[in-house]
Protein backbone atom coordinates (compact mmCIF):
# COMPACT_ATOMS: atom_id res chain seq x y z
CA MET A 1 0.00 0.11 0.27
CA LYS A 2 1.72 3.24 -0.84
CA LEU A 3 0.82 6.55 1.38
CA LYS A 4 3.66 8.01 -0.20
CA ILE A 5 0.93 11.40 -0.87
CA GLN A 6 -0.12 11.01 3.18
CA LYS A 7 3.79 10.80 4.46
CA ARG A 8 4.39 13.74 2.42
CA LEU A 9 1.57 16.06 3.72
CA ALA A 10 2.31 14.49 7.41
CA ALA A 11 5.59 15.92 6.97
CA VAL A 12 4.01 19.81 5.96
CA ILE A 13 2.03 19.94 8.46
CA LEU A 14 4.49 18.29 11.35
CA LYS A 15 6.97 20.63 9.86
CA CYS A 16 9.79 17.82 9.25
CA SER A 17 11.30 15.79 6.68
CA LYS A 18 9.48 12.53 5.28
CA LYS A 19 11.81 10.27 7.26
CA ARG A 20 11.03 11.37 10.89
CA VAL A 21 7.59 10.67 10.05
CA VAL A 22 5.82 7.48 11.36
CA LEU A 23 2.64 5.78 10.25
CA ASP A 24 0.84 3.30 12.11
CA ALA A 25 0.80 0.01 9.82
CA GLY A 26 -2.79 -0.77 12.34
CA ARG A 27 -4.68 2.31 10.97
CA ALA A 28 -3.68 1.68 7.12
CA ASP A 29 -6.77 1.75 5.79
CA ASP A 30 -7.87 5.19 7.62
CA MET A 31 -4.50 6.33 6.23
CA LYS A 32 -5.73 5.23 2.45
CA GLU A 33 -8.36 7.48 2.57
CA ALA A 34 -6.92 10.95 3.92
CA ILE A 35 -6.34 12.95 1.09
CA THR A 36 -6.80 16.09 2.36
CA LYS A 37 -4.51 18.05 5.39
CA ALA A 38 -7.54 17.84 7.42
CA ASP A 39 -7.82 14.02 7.82
CA ILE A 40 -4.26 14.20 7.70
CA ARG A 41 -4.17 16.68 10.93
CA GLY A 42 -7.53 13.80 12.33
CA LEU A 43 -4.85 11.59 11.85
CA ILE A 44 -2.31 13.21 13.47
CA SER A 45 -4.52 13.84 16.78
CA THR A 46 -5.34 10.21 16.89
CA LYS A 47 -1.52 9.45 17.32
CA ALA A 48 -2.06 7.11 13.74
CA ILE A 49 0.59 9.51 12.78
CA THR A 50 3.32 10.53 14.54
CA LYS A 51 7.19 12.38 14.28
CA LYS A 52 10.18 10.52 15.44
CA PRO A 53 12.20 12.86 17.16
CA VAL A 54 15.32 14.81 16.13
CA ARG A 55 18.72 12.47 16.67
CA GLY A 56 21.32 14.37 18.28
CA ILE A 57 25.24 14.05 18.06
CA SER A 58 26.40 11.58 19.81
CA ARG A 59 29.59 12.46 22.34
CA VAL A 60 30.55 8.54 23.04
CA ARG A 61 33.66 9.20 21.02
CA ALA A 62 34.41 12.86 22.20
CA ARG A 63 34.04 11.35 26.08
CA LYS A 64 36.54 8.16 25.07
CA ARG A 65 38.88 10.94 23.10
CA LYS A 66 39.20 13.14 25.90
CA ILE A 67 39.63 10.18 28.44
CA GLN A 68 42.81 9.31 26.07
CA ARG A 69 43.79 12.73 26.02
CA MET A 70 43.77 13.15 30.05
CA LYS A 71 46.05 9.77 29.65
CA GLY A 72 48.41 11.65 27.58
CA ARG A 73 47.55 10.01 24.23
CA GLN A 74 46.73 11.42 20.96
CA LYS A 75 48.93 14.75 21.71
CA GLY A 76 51.56 13.67 18.90
CA PHE A 77 52.32 16.48 16.21
CA GLY A 78 49.54 14.87 13.86
CA SER A 79 46.78 15.71 16.52
CA LYS A 80 47.81 19.51 17.16
CA LYS A 81 46.59 22.35 15.19
CA GLY A 82 47.82 26.08 15.87
CA LYS A 83 51.29 27.15 16.73
CA LYS A 84 52.71 26.36 20.18
CA THR A 85 51.28 29.80 21.49
CA ALA A 86 47.85 29.20 20.27
CA ARG A 87 48.04 25.83 22.90
CA LEU A 88 49.53 28.00 25.14
CA PRO A 89 49.54 31.76 25.25
CA LYS A 90 52.85 33.69 25.53
CA LYS A 91 51.62 35.92 28.54
CA ARG A 92 50.26 32.37 30.16
CA ALA A 93 53.78 31.03 29.30
CA TRP A 94 55.48 33.92 30.81
CA ILE A 95 53.28 34.05 33.99
CA ASN A 96 54.12 30.50 34.73
CA LYS A 97 57.86 31.36 34.38
CA VAL A 98 58.02 34.56 36.84
CA ARG A 99 55.92 33.07 39.19
CA ILE A 100 58.24 29.73 39.19
CA GLN A 101 61.10 31.83 39.54
CA ARG A 102 59.71 34.75 41.94
CA ARG A 103 58.66 31.62 44.23
CA PHE A 104 62.07 30.14 44.43
CA VAL A 105 63.54 33.26 44.99
CA LYS A 106 61.23 34.15 48.07
CA ASN A 107 61.90 30.59 49.43
CA LEU A 108 65.87 31.75 49.73
CA ARG A 109 65.33 34.72 50.81
CA ASP A 110 63.13 33.11 53.82
CA LYS A 111 65.37 30.75 54.42
CA GLU A 112 68.44 33.50 54.72
CA VAL A 113 70.55 31.68 51.91
CA ILE A 114 70.20 35.33 50.24
CA SER A 115 70.34 38.68 51.65
CA LYS A 116 67.49 40.73 51.34
CA ARG A 117 69.43 43.16 49.18
CA ASP A 118 70.16 40.32 47.06
CA TYR A 119 66.91 39.24 46.72
CA GLN A 120 65.25 43.05 45.63
CA LYS A 121 68.10 42.98 43.01
CA ILE A 122 67.27 39.28 41.63
CA TYR A 123 63.65 40.35 41.90
CA MET A 124 64.00 43.27 39.52
CA ARG A 125 65.94 41.34 37.05
CA ILE A 126 63.16 37.97 36.85
CA LYS A 127 60.65 41.20 36.19
CA GLY A 128 62.81 42.15 33.48
CA GLY A 129 63.09 38.45 31.68
CA PHE A 130 67.24 38.36 32.65
CA PHE A 131 66.58 34.56 33.40
CA ARG A 132 65.19 32.03 31.43
CA SER A 133 64.58 29.48 34.09
CA LYS A 134 64.88 28.52 38.16
CA ARG A 135 67.86 26.44 37.13
CA HIS A 136 69.34 29.92 35.55
CA ILE A 137 68.67 31.39 38.72
CA LYS A 138 70.89 28.94 40.32
CA ILE A 139 73.54 28.94 37.68
CA TYR A 140 73.74 33.03 38.15
CA LEU A 141 73.68 32.73 42.28
CA GLU A 142 76.59 30.06 42.36
CA GLU A 143 78.76 32.32 39.61
CA GLN A 144 77.78 35.26 41.51
CA GLY A 145 78.67 33.68 44.65
CA LEU A 146 75.81 34.61 46.41
CA ILE A 147 74.93 31.12 47.12
CA GLU A 148 76.92 27.83 48.03
CA ASN A 149 75.03 25.22 46.12
CA GLU A 150 71.43 25.05 47.53
CA LYS A 151 68.77 23.09 46.31
């Protein structure tokens, strides 16, 4: 039994595609007689014609990928898009570096490994971007004789 026209009319009324229109097989006789939009509306009200819910996009694969990335997988060069500065902005990298250096110098001052005057000089050099890393500060302090192989 062909109910193409009824399906098309139902799709127009329900404001969806023909794929989403479901016709009740038990009421095929009623549907065959329904040739106007009014007839189709009647069948819709009696639930002989229904509309399938919209299918969303599944997040299963996305969740699985997220778990793998948390483990450190799928992060190779083939997966990276954008520059290094796009993944970690220059400013954020600078903030991280400076905070580590300031924390380190503050600990040295609190332990009285360096004097307050030396602390101030080093602090200002950190602010000016003189040091590349925490290790660079250690090397600098040893070379200047301000510290004796302190961790």
